[in-house]
Amino acid sequence: MKKIDNQLVDSITHPLSLAVWWLDDGNARSDCNGGRLATFGIHLEEQKSLQQLLDQNFQQVNQYLQYSQ
């Protein structure tokens, strides 16, 4: 599993950092005006922390979606 360290959390405060993350791990949804940031391999609790961080820093509406295979 991947681990999110404090250095990464501290760097996701500027729109440019979000844009770079989007270019690396993001994709547009075809069913609505939205997108997804891939967080596969990251523990659920850390994903929830990232979700709060994005809301706090960028005021984005976001939700956690769990995919089953």
C-alpha atoms as a PDB file:
ATOM      1  CA  MET A   1       0.000   0.000   0.000  1.00  0.00           C
ATOM      2  CA  LYS A   2       1.078   3.538  -0.702  1.00  0.00           C
ATOM      3  CA  LYS A   3       1.579   5.955   2.171  1.00  0.00           C
ATOM      4  CA  ILE A   4       0.884   9.678   2.080  1.00  0.00           C
ATOM      5  CA  ASP A   5       3.479  11.643   3.991  1.00  0.00           C
ATOM      6  CA  ASN A   6       3.260  15.140   5.438  1.00  0.00           C
ATOM      7  CA  GLN A   7       5.493  16.583   2.722  1.00  0.00           C
ATOM      8  CA  LEU A   8       2.925  15.621   0.084  1.00  0.00           C
ATOM      9  CA  VAL A   9       0.062  17.000   2.158  1.00  0.00           C
ATOM     10  CA  ASP A  10       1.921  20.294   2.606  1.00  0.00           C
ATOM     11  CA  SER A  11       2.511  20.579  -1.158  1.00  0.00           C
ATOM     12  CA  ILE A  12      -1.155  20.235  -2.164  1.00  0.00           C
ATOM     13  CA  THR A  13      -2.025  23.816  -1.345  1.00  0.00           C
ATOM     14  CA  HIS A  14      -1.566  25.551  -4.699  1.00  0.00           C
ATOM     15  CA  PRO A  15      -3.740  25.082  -7.803  1.00  0.00           C
ATOM     16  CA  LEU A  16      -0.612  24.173  -9.797  1.00  0.00           C
ATOM     17  CA  SER A  17       0.019  21.174  -7.530  1.00  0.00           C
ATOM     18  CA  LEU A  18      -3.549  20.013  -8.119  1.00  0.00           C
ATOM     19  CA  ALA A  19      -3.104  20.471 -11.878  1.00  0.00           C
ATOM     20  CA  VAL A  20       0.070  18.369 -11.891  1.00  0.00           C
ATOM     21  CA  TRP A  21      -1.665  15.636  -9.879  1.00  0.00           C
ATOM     22  CA  TRP A  22      -4.606  15.761 -12.311  1.00  0.00           C
ATOM     23  CA  LEU A  23      -2.295  15.402 -15.310  1.00  0.00           C
ATOM     24  CA  ASP A  24      -0.678  12.360 -13.705  1.00  0.00           C
ATOM     25  CA  ASP A  25      -3.629  10.551 -12.087  1.00  0.00           C
ATOM     26  CA  GLY A  26      -6.814  12.285 -13.208  1.00  0.00           C
ATOM     27  CA  ASN A  27      -9.423  11.520 -15.813  1.00  0.00           C
ATOM     28  CA  ALA A  28     -12.665  13.074 -16.974  1.00  0.00           C
ATOM     29  CA  ARG A  29     -15.961  11.325 -16.428  1.00  0.00           C
ATOM     30  CA  SER A  30     -18.145  10.742 -19.462  1.00  0.00           C
ATOM     31  CA  ASP A  31     -21.412  10.652 -17.511  1.00  0.00           C
ATOM     32  CA  CYS A  32     -21.248  14.150 -15.973  1.00  0.00           C
ATOM     33  CA  ASN A  33     -19.172  17.326 -15.661  1.00  0.00           C
ATOM     34  CA  GLY A  34     -16.687  15.813 -13.271  1.00  0.00           C
ATOM     35  CA  GLY A  35     -13.516  13.851 -12.978  1.00  0.00           C
ATOM     36  CA  ARG A  36     -11.640  11.326 -10.902  1.00  0.00           C
ATOM     37  CA  LEU A  37      -8.252  11.341  -9.243  1.00  0.00           C
ATOM     38  CA  ALA A  38      -6.879   7.826  -8.982  1.00  0.00           C
ATOM     39  CA  THR A  39      -5.977   6.913  -5.418  1.00  0.00           C
ATOM     40  CA  PHE A  40      -5.684   3.150  -5.842  1.00  0.00           C
ATOM     41  CA  GLY A  41      -3.313   1.563  -3.372  1.00  0.00           C
ATOM     42  CA  ILE A  42      -3.838   4.247  -0.724  1.00  0.00           C
ATOM     43  CA  HIS A  43      -5.454   3.255   2.565  1.00  0.00           C
ATOM     44  CA  LEU A  44      -9.079   4.335   2.982  1.00  0.00           C
ATOM     45  CA  GLU A  45      -8.343   6.595   5.954  1.00  0.00           C
ATOM     46  CA  GLU A  46      -5.647   8.415   3.977  1.00  0.00           C
ATOM     47  CA  GLN A  47      -8.044   8.777   1.044  1.00  0.00           C
ATOM     48  CA  LYS A  48     -10.540  10.415   3.372  1.00  0.00           C
ATOM     49  CA  SER A  49      -7.799  12.755   4.631  1.00  0.00           C
ATOM     50  CA  LEU A  50      -6.988  13.701   1.038  1.00  0.00           C
ATOM     51  CA  GLN A  51     -10.663  14.332   0.405  1.00  0.00           C
ATOM     52  CA  GLN A  52     -10.804  16.746   3.363  1.00  0.00           C
ATOM     53  CA  LEU A  53      -7.597  18.419   2.231  1.00  0.00           C
ATOM     54  CA  LEU A  54      -8.960  19.022  -1.284  1.00  0.00           C
ATOM     55  CA  ASP A  55     -12.165  20.450   0.142  1.00  0.00           C
ATOM     56  CA  GLN A  56     -10.252  22.684   2.561  1.00  0.00           C
ATOM     57  CA  ASN A  57      -7.716  23.966   0.026  1.00  0.00           C
ATOM     58  CA  PHE A  58      -9.782  24.126  -3.152  1.00  0.00           C
ATOM     59  CA  GLN A  59     -13.443  24.095  -2.011  1.00  0.00           C
ATOM     60  CA  GLN A  60     -14.214  21.272  -4.398  1.00  0.00           C
ATOM     61  CA  VAL A  61     -17.207  19.007  -4.107  1.00  0.00           C
ATOM     62  CA  ASN A  62     -15.754  15.543  -3.811  1.00  0.00           C
ATOM     63  CA  GLN A  63     -16.790  12.140  -2.685  1.00  0.00           C
ATOM     64  CA  TYR A  64     -15.235   8.788  -2.104  1.00  0.00           C
ATOM     65  CA  LEU A  65     -16.342   6.113  -4.549  1.00  0.00           C
ATOM     66  CA  GLN A  66     -15.488   2.496  -3.950  1.00  0.00           C
ATOM     67  CA  TYR A  67     -15.214   0.229  -6.954  1.00  0.00           C
ATOM     68  CA  SER A  68     -15.576  -3.504  -6.665  1.00  0.00           C
ATOM     69  CA  GLN A  69     -14.222  -5.972  -9.156  1.00  0.00           C
END
